[in-house]
Amino acid sequence: MCPRDRAKRRTQERILDAAERVFAEKGYHQTLVDEIARTSRTSKGAVYFHFPSKEALFAALMDRLAARLLREVEGAIAAERGGVAKVRAALEAVTRRLARHRRLAKVLLVQSFSSPAFVRKRLEVLERFAGLVRAQLDDAIAEGSIAPVDTAVVAHAWLGAVHELVVRWLYTGEPPLERAVPELTALLLRSVGLEPASEPERPSSTKTREQKQGQS
């Protein structure tokens, strides 16, 4: 990357950092581009040079926040072995990350959208997370750790539960998310027939094979 491109990228990141603070504090509709320019120590012209509209800036911010959260969740999943452990890690990583980063949670989950473009962007972001959870559920089914379920429905239902819990916390402070994460994780795992504190049963075909080998 040439020096000019690096400088351009640094300016974009500074504007996005400022936009995250201002949008989280004031909400989308009450935020003025002048405030973002002031907070980022740039100019209104510079903001519009890098982002053609406030809507485009907000969409870019959502993409950046979602990408950061996805990287953390993927890292937590990669550190685990087995479908059930990865499912649990995905759930806990999403909720704990949102609990630690109130601004991120506000921008991704609380901002009210009035245009179809905003609705599509939110659905696109949520679909990324649902796809990640769904992939772990599919793997758990393939290895026989959980019974077959419609993983698309389960993934979206789980994200809906996380969304409601986080939004309530943002508005009321209750329940504290760090305390609520284990309870929520246990509840969601039980919805697919798993006791969170125990290891999943191996498929009956596997157990039968091992029993036969032991008898031979």
N, C-alpha and C. Protein backbone atom coordinates (compact mmCIF):
# COMPACT_ATOMS: atom_id res chain seq x y z
N MET A 1 0.85 -1.19 0.00
CA MET A 1 0.00 0.00 0.00
C MET A 1 0.89 1.25 0.00
N CYS A 2 0.63 2.17 -0.91
CA CYS A 2 1.45 3.37 -1.02
C CYS A 2 1.10 4.35 0.11
N PRO A 3 1.99 5.32 0.40
CA PRO A 3 1.74 6.28 1.50
C PRO A 3 0.41 7.00 1.38
N ARG A 4 0.00 7.35 0.16
CA ARG A 4 -1.27 8.06 -0.02
C ARG A 4 -2.44 7.17 0.40
N ASP A 5 -2.38 5.90 0.01
CA ASP A 5 -3.46 4.97 0.39
C ASP A 5 -3.49 4.74 1.90
N ARG A 6 -2.30 4.67 2.52
CA ARG A 6 -2.26 4.50 3.97
C ARG A 6 -2.86 5.70 4.69
N ALA A 7 -2.55 6.89 4.18
CA ALA A 7 -3.10 8.11 4.79
C ALA A 7 -4.62 8.16 4.62
N LYS A 8 -5.09 7.73 3.46
CA LYS A 8 -6.53 7.70 3.21
C LYS A 8 -7.21 6.72 4.16
N ARG A 9 -6.59 5.57 4.35
CA ARG A 9 -7.16 4.56 5.23
C ARG A 9 -7.20 5.04 6.67
N ARG A 10 -6.14 5.73 7.10
CA ARG A 10 -6.11 6.25 8.47
C ARG A 10 -7.22 7.27 8.69
N THR A 11 -7.45 8.12 7.70
CA THR A 11 -8.52 9.11 7.81
C THR A 11 -9.88 8.43 7.88
N GLN A 12 -10.10 7.42 7.06
CA GLN A 12 -11.37 6.69 7.08
C GLN A 12 -11.60 6.05 8.45
N GLU A 13 -10.55 5.46 9.01
CA GLU A 13 -10.69 4.81 10.32
C GLU A 13 -10.99 5.84 11.40
N ARG A 14 -10.35 7.02 11.31
CA ARG A 14 -10.61 8.07 12.30
C ARG A 14 -12.07 8.54 12.21
N ILE A 15 -12.56 8.67 11.01
CA ILE A 15 -13.96 9.08 10.83
C ILE A 15 -14.90 8.01 11.37
N LEU A 16 -14.60 6.74 11.09
CA LEU A 16 -15.45 5.65 11.59
C LEU A 16 -15.41 5.57 13.11
N ASP A 17 -14.23 5.79 13.71
CA ASP A 17 -14.14 5.79 15.18
C ASP A 17 -15.04 6.89 15.76
N ALA A 18 -14.98 8.07 15.16
CA ALA A 18 -15.80 9.17 15.63
C ALA A 18 -17.29 8.87 15.42
N ALA A 19 -17.62 8.31 14.26
CA ALA A 19 -19.02 7.99 13.96
C ALA A 19 -19.56 6.98 14.97
N GLU A 20 -18.75 6.01 15.35
CA GLU A 20 -19.20 5.02 16.34
C GLU A 20 -19.57 5.70 17.65
N ARG A 21 -18.75 6.64 18.10
CA ARG A 21 -19.02 7.33 19.36
C ARG A 21 -20.29 8.18 19.26
N VAL A 22 -20.40 8.96 18.19
CA VAL A 22 -21.51 9.90 18.07
C VAL A 22 -22.83 9.17 17.81
N PHE A 23 -22.83 8.17 16.91
CA PHE A 23 -24.06 7.42 16.64
C PHE A 23 -24.54 6.71 17.90
N ALA A 24 -23.62 6.13 18.66
CA ALA A 24 -24.01 5.41 19.87
C ALA A 24 -24.59 6.35 20.91
N GLU A 25 -24.06 7.57 20.97
CA GLU A 25 -24.53 8.53 21.97
C GLU A 25 -25.86 9.18 21.58
N LYS A 26 -26.01 9.54 20.30
CA LYS A 26 -27.16 10.35 19.89
C LYS A 26 -28.17 9.62 19.02
N GLY A 27 -27.79 8.46 18.50
CA GLY A 27 -28.68 7.79 17.57
C GLY A 27 -28.49 8.31 16.16
N TYR A 28 -28.95 7.53 15.20
CA TYR A 28 -28.70 7.88 13.80
C TYR A 28 -29.34 9.21 13.42
N HIS A 29 -30.62 9.37 13.72
CA HIS A 29 -31.36 10.53 13.21
C HIS A 29 -30.91 11.83 13.86
N GLN A 30 -30.46 11.79 15.10
CA GLN A 30 -30.04 13.01 15.79
C GLN A 30 -28.58 13.37 15.54
N THR A 31 -27.85 12.50 14.89
CA THR A 31 -26.44 12.76 14.63
C THR A 31 -26.28 13.63 13.38
N LEU A 32 -25.44 14.66 13.50
CA LEU A 32 -25.11 15.53 12.38
C LEU A 32 -23.72 15.17 11.87
N VAL A 33 -23.55 15.26 10.57
CA VAL A 33 -22.24 14.98 9.99
C VAL A 33 -21.21 15.97 10.52
N ASP A 34 -21.64 17.21 10.81
CA ASP A 34 -20.71 18.20 11.39
C ASP A 34 -20.12 17.70 12.71
N GLU A 35 -20.94 17.00 13.51
CA GLU A 35 -20.46 16.48 14.79
C GLU A 35 -19.42 15.38 14.57
N ILE A 36 -19.65 14.55 13.59
CA ILE A 36 -18.68 13.49 13.29
C ILE A 36 -17.38 14.10 12.80
N ALA A 37 -17.48 15.14 11.96
CA ALA A 37 -16.28 15.82 11.47
C ALA A 37 -15.50 16.43 12.63
N ARG A 38 -16.23 17.09 13.55
CA ARG A 38 -15.58 17.71 14.71
C ARG A 38 -14.89 16.66 15.57
N THR A 39 -15.61 15.58 15.86
CA THR A 39 -15.08 14.54 16.73
C THR A 39 -13.86 13.85 16.11
N SER A 40 -13.87 13.70 14.80
CA SER A 40 -12.76 13.02 14.11
C SER A 40 -11.61 13.98 13.77
N ARG A 41 -11.81 15.28 14.09
CA ARG A 41 -10.82 16.32 13.78
C ARG A 41 -10.50 16.33 12.28
N THR A 42 -11.57 16.20 11.49
CA THR A 42 -11.44 16.37 10.04
C THR A 42 -12.40 17.49 9.64
N SER A 43 -12.87 17.48 8.43
CA SER A 43 -13.85 18.47 7.97
C SER A 43 -15.07 17.76 7.41
N LYS A 44 -16.15 18.50 7.30
CA LYS A 44 -17.36 17.93 6.71
C LYS A 44 -17.08 17.46 5.28
N GLY A 45 -16.26 18.24 4.56
CA GLY A 45 -15.91 17.84 3.20
C GLY A 45 -15.13 16.54 3.17
N ALA A 46 -14.24 16.36 4.17
CA ALA A 46 -13.46 15.12 4.23
C ALA A 46 -14.36 13.92 4.50
N VAL A 47 -15.35 14.10 5.38
CA VAL A 47 -16.28 13.01 5.67
C VAL A 47 -17.01 12.61 4.39
N TYR A 48 -17.52 13.61 3.65
CA TYR A 48 -18.26 13.30 2.44
C TYR A 48 -17.35 12.81 1.31
N PHE A 49 -16.07 13.15 1.37
CA PHE A 49 -15.14 12.61 0.37
C PHE A 49 -14.99 11.10 0.53
N HIS A 50 -14.91 10.66 1.78
CA HIS A 50 -14.71 9.23 2.04
C HIS A 50 -16.03 8.45 2.09
N PHE A 51 -17.10 9.11 2.49
CA PHE A 51 -18.41 8.45 2.60
C PHE A 51 -19.45 9.41 1.99
N PRO A 52 -20.05 9.04 0.87
CA PRO A 52 -20.89 9.98 0.13
C PRO A 52 -22.14 10.47 0.85
N SER A 53 -22.55 9.79 1.92
CA SER A 53 -23.74 10.21 2.66
C SER A 53 -23.65 9.69 4.09
N LYS A 54 -24.50 10.25 4.96
CA LYS A 54 -24.53 9.75 6.34
C LYS A 54 -24.98 8.30 6.36
N GLU A 55 -25.88 7.95 5.46
CA GLU A 55 -26.35 6.57 5.37
C GLU A 55 -25.21 5.63 4.98
N ALA A 56 -24.39 6.04 4.01
CA ALA A 56 -23.25 5.22 3.59
C ALA A 56 -22.24 5.08 4.71
N LEU A 57 -22.04 6.16 5.48
CA LEU A 57 -21.12 6.10 6.62
C LEU A 57 -21.62 5.12 7.67
N PHE A 58 -22.92 5.17 7.97
CA PHE A 58 -23.47 4.26 8.97
C PHE A 58 -23.38 2.81 8.50
N ALA A 59 -23.64 2.57 7.22
CA ALA A 59 -23.54 1.21 6.68
C ALA A 59 -22.10 0.70 6.78
N ALA A 60 -21.12 1.57 6.48
CA ALA A 60 -19.71 1.16 6.59
C ALA A 60 -19.34 0.87 8.04
N LEU A 61 -19.90 1.65 8.97
CA LEU A 61 -19.63 1.42 10.39
C LEU A 61 -20.21 0.09 10.84
N MET A 62 -21.42 -0.22 10.41
CA MET A 62 -22.01 -1.51 10.77
C MET A 62 -21.19 -2.67 10.24
N ASP A 63 -20.71 -2.53 9.00
CA ASP A 63 -19.87 -3.58 8.42
C ASP A 63 -18.59 -3.77 9.23
N ARG A 64 -17.97 -2.66 9.65
CA ARG A 64 -16.72 -2.76 10.41
C ARG A 64 -16.96 -3.40 11.77
N LEU A 65 -18.01 -2.98 12.46
CA LEU A 65 -18.31 -3.55 13.77
C LEU A 65 -18.65 -5.03 13.67
N ALA A 66 -19.44 -5.38 12.66
CA ALA A 66 -19.81 -6.79 12.48
C ALA A 66 -18.58 -7.63 12.17
N ALA A 67 -17.67 -7.10 11.33
CA ALA A 67 -16.46 -7.85 10.98
C ALA A 67 -15.60 -8.09 12.21
N ARG A 68 -15.48 -7.10 13.08
CA ARG A 68 -14.70 -7.26 14.31
C ARG A 68 -15.32 -8.31 15.21
N LEU A 69 -16.62 -8.25 15.37
CA LEU A 69 -17.30 -9.21 16.23
C LEU A 69 -17.19 -10.62 15.66
N LEU A 70 -17.33 -10.74 14.35
CA LEU A 70 -17.22 -12.06 13.72
C LEU A 70 -15.83 -12.65 13.90
N ARG A 71 -14.80 -11.82 13.80
CA ARG A 71 -13.43 -12.33 13.99
C ARG A 71 -13.25 -12.87 15.40
N GLU A 72 -13.80 -12.18 16.37
CA GLU A 72 -13.66 -12.66 17.76
C GLU A 72 -14.43 -13.96 17.96
N VAL A 73 -15.62 -14.03 17.41
CA VAL A 73 -16.42 -15.25 17.55
C VAL A 73 -15.74 -16.41 16.84
N GLU A 74 -15.22 -16.18 15.64
CA GLU A 74 -14.53 -17.23 14.90
C GLU A 74 -13.29 -17.71 15.66
N GLY A 75 -12.60 -16.78 16.32
CA GLY A 75 -11.44 -17.17 17.12
C GLY A 75 -11.83 -18.05 18.29
N ALA A 76 -12.95 -17.71 18.94
CA ALA A 76 -13.42 -18.53 20.06
C ALA A 76 -13.83 -19.91 19.59
N ILE A 77 -14.45 -19.99 18.42
CA ILE A 77 -14.87 -21.29 17.87
C ILE A 77 -13.64 -22.13 17.52
N ALA A 78 -12.66 -21.50 16.89
CA ALA A 78 -11.47 -22.24 16.45
C ALA A 78 -10.69 -22.83 17.62
N ALA A 79 -10.83 -22.24 18.80
CA ALA A 79 -10.09 -22.72 19.97
C ALA A 79 -10.73 -23.96 20.60
N GLU A 80 -11.93 -24.34 20.14
CA GLU A 80 -12.65 -25.48 20.72
C GLU A 80 -12.61 -26.67 19.78
N ARG A 81 -12.86 -27.85 20.35
CA ARG A 81 -12.94 -29.07 19.55
C ARG A 81 -14.30 -29.71 19.80
N GLY A 82 -14.93 -30.18 18.73
CA GLY A 82 -16.23 -30.83 18.85
C GLY A 82 -17.36 -29.85 18.59
N GLY A 83 -18.40 -30.34 17.95
CA GLY A 83 -19.52 -29.50 17.55
C GLY A 83 -20.20 -28.78 18.69
N VAL A 84 -20.46 -29.48 19.78
CA VAL A 84 -21.18 -28.87 20.91
C VAL A 84 -20.34 -27.77 21.55
N ALA A 85 -19.04 -28.03 21.74
CA ALA A 85 -18.16 -27.02 22.33
C ALA A 85 -18.10 -25.78 21.44
N LYS A 86 -18.11 -25.98 20.14
CA LYS A 86 -18.05 -24.85 19.22
C LYS A 86 -19.36 -24.06 19.23
N VAL A 87 -20.48 -24.76 19.32
CA VAL A 87 -21.77 -24.08 19.43
C VAL A 87 -21.79 -23.22 20.69
N ARG A 88 -21.38 -23.81 21.81
CA ARG A 88 -21.35 -23.07 23.07
C ARG A 88 -20.42 -21.86 22.97
N ALA A 89 -19.25 -22.06 22.37
CA ALA A 89 -18.29 -20.96 22.24
C ALA A 89 -18.86 -19.82 21.40
N ALA A 90 -19.57 -20.15 20.33
CA ALA A 90 -20.16 -19.12 19.48
C ALA A 90 -21.17 -18.29 20.25
N LEU A 91 -22.05 -18.95 20.99
CA LEU A 91 -23.06 -18.24 21.77
C LEU A 91 -22.43 -17.33 22.81
N GLU A 92 -21.49 -17.87 23.55
CA GLU A 92 -20.87 -17.10 24.63
C GLU A 92 -20.05 -15.94 24.09
N ALA A 93 -19.34 -16.15 22.98
CA ALA A 93 -18.49 -15.10 22.43
C ALA A 93 -19.33 -13.92 21.94
N VAL A 94 -20.44 -14.19 21.25
CA VAL A 94 -21.30 -13.10 20.78
C VAL A 94 -21.81 -12.27 21.95
N THR A 95 -22.35 -12.95 22.97
CA THR A 95 -22.97 -12.23 24.08
C THR A 95 -21.93 -11.51 24.92
N ARG A 96 -20.82 -12.15 25.20
CA ARG A 96 -19.79 -11.51 26.03
C ARG A 96 -19.17 -10.31 25.32
N ARG A 97 -18.97 -10.41 24.02
CA ARG A 97 -18.40 -9.28 23.28
C ARG A 97 -19.35 -8.08 23.34
N LEU A 98 -20.64 -8.31 23.15
CA LEU A 98 -21.60 -7.22 23.22
C LEU A 98 -21.67 -6.64 24.63
N ALA A 99 -21.51 -7.49 25.64
CA ALA A 99 -21.53 -7.01 27.02
C ALA A 99 -20.34 -6.10 27.31
N ARG A 100 -19.19 -6.41 26.71
CA ARG A 100 -17.99 -5.63 26.97
C ARG A 100 -17.96 -4.33 26.16
N HIS A 101 -18.72 -4.28 25.06
CA HIS A 101 -18.64 -3.13 24.17
C HIS A 101 -20.04 -2.54 23.96
N ARG A 102 -20.42 -1.68 24.88
CA ARG A 102 -21.76 -1.11 24.87
C ARG A 102 -22.03 -0.32 23.59
N ARG A 103 -21.02 0.44 23.13
CA ARG A 103 -21.22 1.23 21.91
C ARG A 103 -21.52 0.33 20.72
N LEU A 104 -20.75 -0.76 20.61
CA LEU A 104 -20.96 -1.70 19.52
C LEU A 104 -22.38 -2.25 19.56
N ALA A 105 -22.84 -2.65 20.75
CA ALA A 105 -24.18 -3.20 20.89
C ALA A 105 -25.24 -2.18 20.51
N LYS A 106 -25.03 -0.93 20.91
CA LYS A 106 -26.01 0.11 20.59
C LYS A 106 -26.12 0.32 19.08
N VAL A 107 -24.98 0.42 18.43
CA VAL A 107 -25.00 0.69 16.99
C VAL A 107 -25.61 -0.48 16.22
N LEU A 108 -25.25 -1.71 16.60
CA LEU A 108 -25.72 -2.87 15.85
C LEU A 108 -27.18 -3.22 16.14
N LEU A 109 -27.63 -3.00 17.39
CA LEU A 109 -28.92 -3.56 17.79
C LEU A 109 -30.01 -2.55 18.11
N VAL A 110 -29.65 -1.32 18.50
CA VAL A 110 -30.65 -0.41 19.04
C VAL A 110 -31.07 0.67 18.05
N GLN A 111 -30.19 1.07 17.14
CA GLN A 111 -30.53 2.16 16.24
C GLN A 111 -31.82 1.85 15.49
N SER A 112 -32.70 2.84 15.41
CA SER A 112 -33.97 2.63 14.71
C SER A 112 -33.80 3.02 13.24
N PHE A 113 -34.31 2.16 12.36
CA PHE A 113 -34.16 2.38 10.93
C PHE A 113 -35.52 2.67 10.31
N SER A 114 -35.52 3.63 9.41
CA SER A 114 -36.77 3.97 8.75
C SER A 114 -36.75 3.68 7.26
N SER A 115 -35.57 3.37 6.73
CA SER A 115 -35.49 3.15 5.29
C SER A 115 -35.25 1.67 4.98
N PRO A 116 -35.72 1.22 3.82
CA PRO A 116 -35.48 -0.17 3.43
C PRO A 116 -34.00 -0.51 3.39
N ALA A 117 -33.15 0.46 3.04
CA ALA A 117 -31.70 0.20 2.98
C ALA A 117 -31.17 -0.17 4.36
N PHE A 118 -31.63 0.51 5.40
CA PHE A 118 -31.18 0.20 6.75
C PHE A 118 -31.68 -1.17 7.19
N VAL A 119 -32.92 -1.47 6.85
CA VAL A 119 -33.48 -2.78 7.21
C VAL A 119 -32.67 -3.89 6.55
N ARG A 120 -32.33 -3.70 5.28
CA ARG A 120 -31.54 -4.71 4.56
C ARG A 120 -30.15 -4.86 5.19
N LYS A 121 -29.56 -3.74 5.58
CA LYS A 121 -28.22 -3.80 6.17
C LYS A 121 -28.25 -4.55 7.49
N ARG A 122 -29.24 -4.27 8.33
CA ARG A 122 -29.33 -4.98 9.61
C ARG A 122 -29.54 -6.46 9.37
N LEU A 123 -30.44 -6.81 8.46
CA LEU A 123 -30.68 -8.23 8.16
C LEU A 123 -29.42 -8.90 7.63
N GLU A 124 -28.66 -8.18 6.81
CA GLU A 124 -27.41 -8.71 6.25
C GLU A 124 -26.41 -9.02 7.38
N VAL A 125 -26.30 -8.09 8.33
CA VAL A 125 -25.38 -8.29 9.46
C VAL A 125 -25.82 -9.47 10.31
N LEU A 126 -27.10 -9.51 10.65
CA LEU A 126 -27.60 -10.60 11.48
C LEU A 126 -27.47 -11.95 10.77
N GLU A 127 -27.62 -11.93 9.45
CA GLU A 127 -27.51 -13.17 8.69
C GLU A 127 -26.10 -13.74 8.77
N ARG A 128 -25.09 -12.88 8.85
CA ARG A 128 -23.72 -13.36 8.98
C ARG A 128 -23.55 -14.15 10.28
N PHE A 129 -24.11 -13.61 11.35
CA PHE A 129 -23.99 -14.30 12.64
C PHE A 129 -24.83 -15.57 12.67
N ALA A 130 -26.02 -15.50 12.09
CA ALA A 130 -26.86 -16.69 12.03
C ALA A 130 -26.17 -17.79 11.23
N GLY A 131 -25.51 -17.41 10.14
CA GLY A 131 -24.80 -18.39 9.33
C GLY A 131 -23.67 -19.05 10.09
N LEU A 132 -22.99 -18.27 10.93
CA LEU A 132 -21.89 -18.82 11.73
C LEU A 132 -22.42 -19.83 12.75
N VAL A 133 -23.49 -19.47 13.44
CA VAL A 133 -24.09 -20.39 14.42
C VAL A 133 -24.65 -21.62 13.72
N ARG A 134 -25.28 -21.39 12.59
CA ARG A 134 -25.87 -22.52 11.84
C ARG A 134 -24.80 -23.53 11.43
N ALA A 135 -23.64 -23.03 11.01
CA ALA A 135 -22.56 -23.94 10.60
C ALA A 135 -22.11 -24.83 11.75
N GLN A 136 -22.06 -24.26 12.96
CA GLN A 136 -21.65 -25.07 14.12
C GLN A 136 -22.72 -26.10 14.47
N LEU A 137 -23.99 -25.70 14.35
CA LEU A 137 -25.07 -26.66 14.59
C LEU A 137 -25.04 -27.79 13.56
N ASP A 138 -24.80 -27.45 12.31
CA ASP A 138 -24.72 -28.48 11.26
C ASP A 138 -23.60 -29.47 11.58
N ASP A 139 -22.46 -28.96 12.05
CA ASP A 139 -21.35 -29.84 12.39
C ASP A 139 -21.70 -30.74 13.57
N ALA A 140 -22.40 -30.17 14.56
CA ALA A 140 -22.79 -30.97 15.72
C ALA A 140 -23.76 -32.09 15.32
N ILE A 141 -24.65 -31.80 14.38
CA ILE A 141 -25.57 -32.83 13.88
C ILE A 141 -24.79 -33.89 13.11
N ALA A 142 -23.86 -33.45 12.27
CA ALA A 142 -23.10 -34.39 11.45
C ALA A 142 -22.29 -35.36 12.31
N GLU A 143 -21.78 -34.89 13.43
CA GLU A 143 -20.98 -35.78 14.30
C GLU A 143 -21.86 -36.56 15.27
N GLY A 144 -23.18 -36.33 15.22
CA GLY A 144 -24.09 -37.09 16.06
C GLY A 144 -24.24 -36.57 17.47
N SER A 145 -23.80 -35.34 17.73
CA SER A 145 -23.88 -34.79 19.08
C SER A 145 -25.28 -34.30 19.43
N ILE A 146 -26.02 -33.86 18.41
CA ILE A 146 -27.40 -33.44 18.63
C ILE A 146 -28.28 -34.05 17.54
N ALA A 147 -29.56 -34.16 17.85
CA ALA A 147 -30.50 -34.71 16.88
C ALA A 147 -30.71 -33.70 15.75
N PRO A 148 -31.10 -34.20 14.57
CA PRO A 148 -31.34 -33.28 13.44
C PRO A 148 -32.41 -32.24 13.77
N VAL A 149 -32.14 -31.00 13.44
CA VAL A 149 -33.08 -29.90 13.59
C VAL A 149 -32.93 -28.99 12.39
N ASP A 150 -33.89 -28.09 12.22
CA ASP A 150 -33.77 -27.07 11.18
C ASP A 150 -32.81 -26.01 11.72
N THR A 151 -31.55 -26.09 11.31
CA THR A 151 -30.53 -25.24 11.92
C THR A 151 -30.72 -23.76 11.58
N ALA A 152 -31.35 -23.46 10.45
CA ALA A 152 -31.61 -22.06 10.12
C ALA A 152 -32.59 -21.46 11.12
N VAL A 153 -33.66 -22.20 11.41
CA VAL A 153 -34.65 -21.72 12.38
C VAL A 153 -34.02 -21.58 13.76
N VAL A 154 -33.27 -22.58 14.18
CA VAL A 154 -32.65 -22.54 15.52
C VAL A 154 -31.67 -21.38 15.63
N ALA A 155 -30.83 -21.20 14.62
CA ALA A 155 -29.83 -20.12 14.67
C ALA A 155 -30.49 -18.76 14.79
N HIS A 156 -31.54 -18.51 14.02
CA HIS A 156 -32.21 -17.22 14.09
C HIS A 156 -32.98 -17.05 15.40
N ALA A 157 -33.56 -18.14 15.90
CA ALA A 157 -34.26 -18.06 17.19
C ALA A 157 -33.27 -17.74 18.31
N TRP A 158 -32.11 -18.36 18.27
CA TRP A 158 -31.09 -18.09 19.29
C TRP A 158 -30.63 -16.64 19.23
N LEU A 159 -30.39 -16.13 18.02
CA LEU A 159 -29.97 -14.73 17.90
C LEU A 159 -31.07 -13.78 18.37
N GLY A 160 -32.32 -14.17 18.14
CA GLY A 160 -33.43 -13.36 18.64
C GLY A 160 -33.40 -13.28 20.16
N ALA A 161 -33.11 -14.39 20.82
CA ALA A 161 -33.03 -14.39 22.29
C ALA A 161 -31.87 -13.52 22.77
N VAL A 162 -30.72 -13.63 22.11
CA VAL A 162 -29.56 -12.80 22.47
C VAL A 162 -29.91 -11.32 22.27
N HIS A 163 -30.55 -11.00 21.15
CA HIS A 163 -30.93 -9.62 20.84
C HIS A 163 -31.81 -9.04 21.94
N GLU A 164 -32.85 -9.77 22.33
CA GLU A 164 -33.78 -9.25 23.34
C GLU A 164 -33.08 -9.03 24.68
N LEU A 165 -32.22 -9.96 25.05
CA LEU A 165 -31.51 -9.83 26.33
C LEU A 165 -30.58 -8.63 26.32
N VAL A 166 -29.84 -8.45 25.22
CA VAL A 166 -28.88 -7.35 25.13
C VAL A 166 -29.60 -6.01 25.09
N VAL A 167 -30.68 -5.91 24.32
CA VAL A 167 -31.41 -4.64 24.22
C VAL A 167 -32.00 -4.26 25.59
N ARG A 168 -32.53 -5.23 26.31
CA ARG A 168 -33.07 -4.92 27.65
C ARG A 168 -31.96 -4.42 28.56
N TRP A 169 -30.78 -5.04 28.48
CA TRP A 169 -29.64 -4.61 29.29
C TRP A 169 -29.22 -3.19 28.93
N LEU A 170 -29.22 -2.87 27.63
CA LEU A 170 -28.81 -1.53 27.20
C LEU A 170 -29.74 -0.46 27.76
N TYR A 171 -31.04 -0.77 27.83
CA TYR A 171 -32.01 0.22 28.30
C TYR A 171 -32.14 0.27 29.82
N THR A 172 -31.98 -0.87 30.49
CA THR A 172 -32.25 -0.92 31.93
C THR A 172 -31.04 -1.27 32.78
N GLY A 173 -30.01 -1.83 32.16
CA GLY A 173 -28.86 -2.30 32.94
C GLY A 173 -29.07 -3.66 33.56
N GLU A 174 -30.23 -4.25 33.34
CA GLU A 174 -30.56 -5.56 33.92
C GLU A 174 -31.00 -6.52 32.84
N PRO A 175 -30.70 -7.81 33.02
CA PRO A 175 -29.73 -8.32 33.99
C PRO A 175 -28.31 -8.07 33.50
N PRO A 176 -27.32 -7.96 34.40
CA PRO A 176 -25.94 -7.80 33.94
C PRO A 176 -25.58 -8.94 32.99
N LEU A 177 -25.09 -8.59 31.82
CA LEU A 177 -24.89 -9.62 30.79
C LEU A 177 -23.89 -10.68 31.19
N GLU A 178 -22.82 -10.29 31.87
CA GLU A 178 -21.83 -11.29 32.26
C GLU A 178 -22.44 -12.35 33.16
N ARG A 179 -23.41 -11.94 33.98
CA ARG A 179 -24.08 -12.90 34.84
C ARG A 179 -25.11 -13.72 34.07
N ALA A 180 -25.70 -13.10 33.04
CA ALA A 180 -26.78 -13.76 32.30
C ALA A 180 -26.27 -14.74 31.25
N VAL A 181 -25.03 -14.59 30.79
CA VAL A 181 -24.51 -15.42 29.70
C VAL A 181 -24.61 -16.92 30.00
N PRO A 182 -24.14 -17.40 31.17
CA PRO A 182 -24.24 -18.85 31.42
C PRO A 182 -25.67 -19.36 31.42
N GLU A 183 -26.58 -18.57 32.00
CA GLU A 183 -27.99 -19.00 32.05
C GLU A 183 -28.59 -19.05 30.66
N LEU A 184 -28.31 -18.03 29.84
CA LEU A 184 -28.83 -18.01 28.48
C LEU A 184 -28.25 -19.15 27.66
N THR A 185 -26.96 -19.38 27.77
CA THR A 185 -26.31 -20.46 27.03
C THR A 185 -26.92 -21.80 27.40
N ALA A 186 -27.13 -22.03 28.69
CA ALA A 186 -27.72 -23.29 29.14
C ALA A 186 -29.12 -23.47 28.57
N LEU A 187 -29.90 -22.39 28.59
CA LEU A 187 -31.27 -22.45 28.08
C LEU A 187 -31.29 -22.79 26.59
N LEU A 188 -30.43 -22.14 25.82
CA LEU A 188 -30.42 -22.38 24.37
C LEU A 188 -29.91 -23.77 24.03
N LEU A 189 -28.90 -24.24 24.75
CA LEU A 189 -28.41 -25.59 24.49
C LEU A 189 -29.47 -26.64 24.81
N ARG A 190 -30.22 -26.40 25.87
CA ARG A 190 -31.29 -27.36 26.20
C ARG A 190 -32.36 -27.40 25.12
N SER A 191 -32.51 -26.32 24.37
CA SER A 191 -33.53 -26.30 23.32
C SER A 191 -33.22 -27.29 22.20
N VAL A 192 -31.95 -27.73 22.10
CA VAL A 192 -31.61 -28.78 21.13
C VAL A 192 -31.23 -30.08 21.82
N GLY A 193 -31.67 -30.21 23.08
CA GLY A 193 -31.53 -31.48 23.79
C GLY A 193 -30.21 -31.69 24.48
N LEU A 194 -29.49 -30.61 24.80
CA LEU A 194 -28.18 -30.75 25.44
C LEU A 194 -28.19 -30.18 26.84
N GLU A 195 -27.60 -30.92 27.76
CA GLU A 195 -27.32 -30.39 29.08
C GLU A 195 -25.95 -29.74 29.02
N PRO A 196 -25.85 -28.43 29.24
CA PRO A 196 -24.59 -27.72 29.01
C PRO A 196 -23.43 -28.18 29.87
N ALA A 197 -23.70 -28.74 31.04
CA ALA A 197 -22.59 -29.14 31.92
C ALA A 197 -22.06 -30.53 31.60
N SER A 198 -22.75 -31.24 30.74
CA SER A 198 -22.34 -32.62 30.47
C SER A 198 -21.85 -32.78 29.05
N GLU A 199 -21.05 -33.80 28.83
CA GLU A 199 -20.59 -34.11 27.48
C GLU A 199 -21.72 -34.78 26.72
N PRO A 200 -21.86 -34.50 25.43
CA PRO A 200 -22.92 -35.13 24.65
C PRO A 200 -22.72 -36.63 24.53
N GLU A 201 -23.84 -37.33 24.47
CA GLU A 201 -23.78 -38.77 24.23
C GLU A 201 -23.27 -39.02 22.82
N ARG A 202 -22.45 -40.04 22.67
CA ARG A 202 -22.03 -40.41 21.32
C ARG A 202 -23.17 -41.13 20.60
N PRO A 203 -23.18 -41.10 19.29
CA PRO A 203 -24.24 -41.78 18.55
C PRO A 203 -24.32 -43.25 18.95
N SER A 204 -25.56 -43.79 18.95
CA SER A 204 -25.76 -45.17 19.37
C SER A 204 -25.00 -46.15 18.49
N SER A 205 -24.85 -45.81 17.19
CA SER A 205 -24.13 -46.72 16.29
C SER A 205 -22.67 -46.83 16.72
N THR A 206 -22.09 -45.70 17.16
CA THR A 206 -20.70 -45.72 17.62
C THR A 206 -20.57 -46.57 18.87
N LYS A 207 -21.51 -46.36 19.83
CA LYS A 207 -21.45 -47.12 21.08
C LYS A 207 -21.63 -48.61 20.81
N THR A 208 -22.54 -48.94 19.89
CA THR A 208 -22.77 -50.35 19.59
C THR A 208 -21.53 -50.99 19.00
N ARG A 209 -20.84 -50.25 18.11
CA ARG A 209 -19.62 -50.76 17.52
C ARG A 209 -18.58 -51.05 18.58
N GLU A 210 -18.40 -50.11 19.52
CA GLU A 210 -17.40 -50.27 20.56
C GLU A 210 -17.75 -51.43 21.47
N GLN A 211 -19.07 -51.60 21.76
CA GLN A 211 -19.50 -52.71 22.60
C GLN A 211 -19.18 -54.05 21.96
N LYS A 212 -19.41 -54.14 20.65
CA LYS A 212 -19.14 -55.36 19.92
C LYS A 212 -17.64 -55.67 19.93
N GLN A 213 -16.84 -54.60 19.76
CA GLN A 213 -15.40 -54.81 19.75
C GLN A 213 -14.92 -55.30 21.10
N GLY A 214 -15.54 -54.78 22.17
CA GLY A 214 -15.15 -55.19 23.51
C GLY A 214 -15.51 -56.64 23.79
N GLN A 215 -16.58 -57.15 23.13
CA GLN A 215 -17.03 -58.51 23.37
C GLN A 215 -16.27 -59.52 22.52
N SER A 216 -15.58 -59.03 21.46
CA SER A 216 -14.91 -59.98 20.55
C SER A 216 -13.57 -60.41 21.09
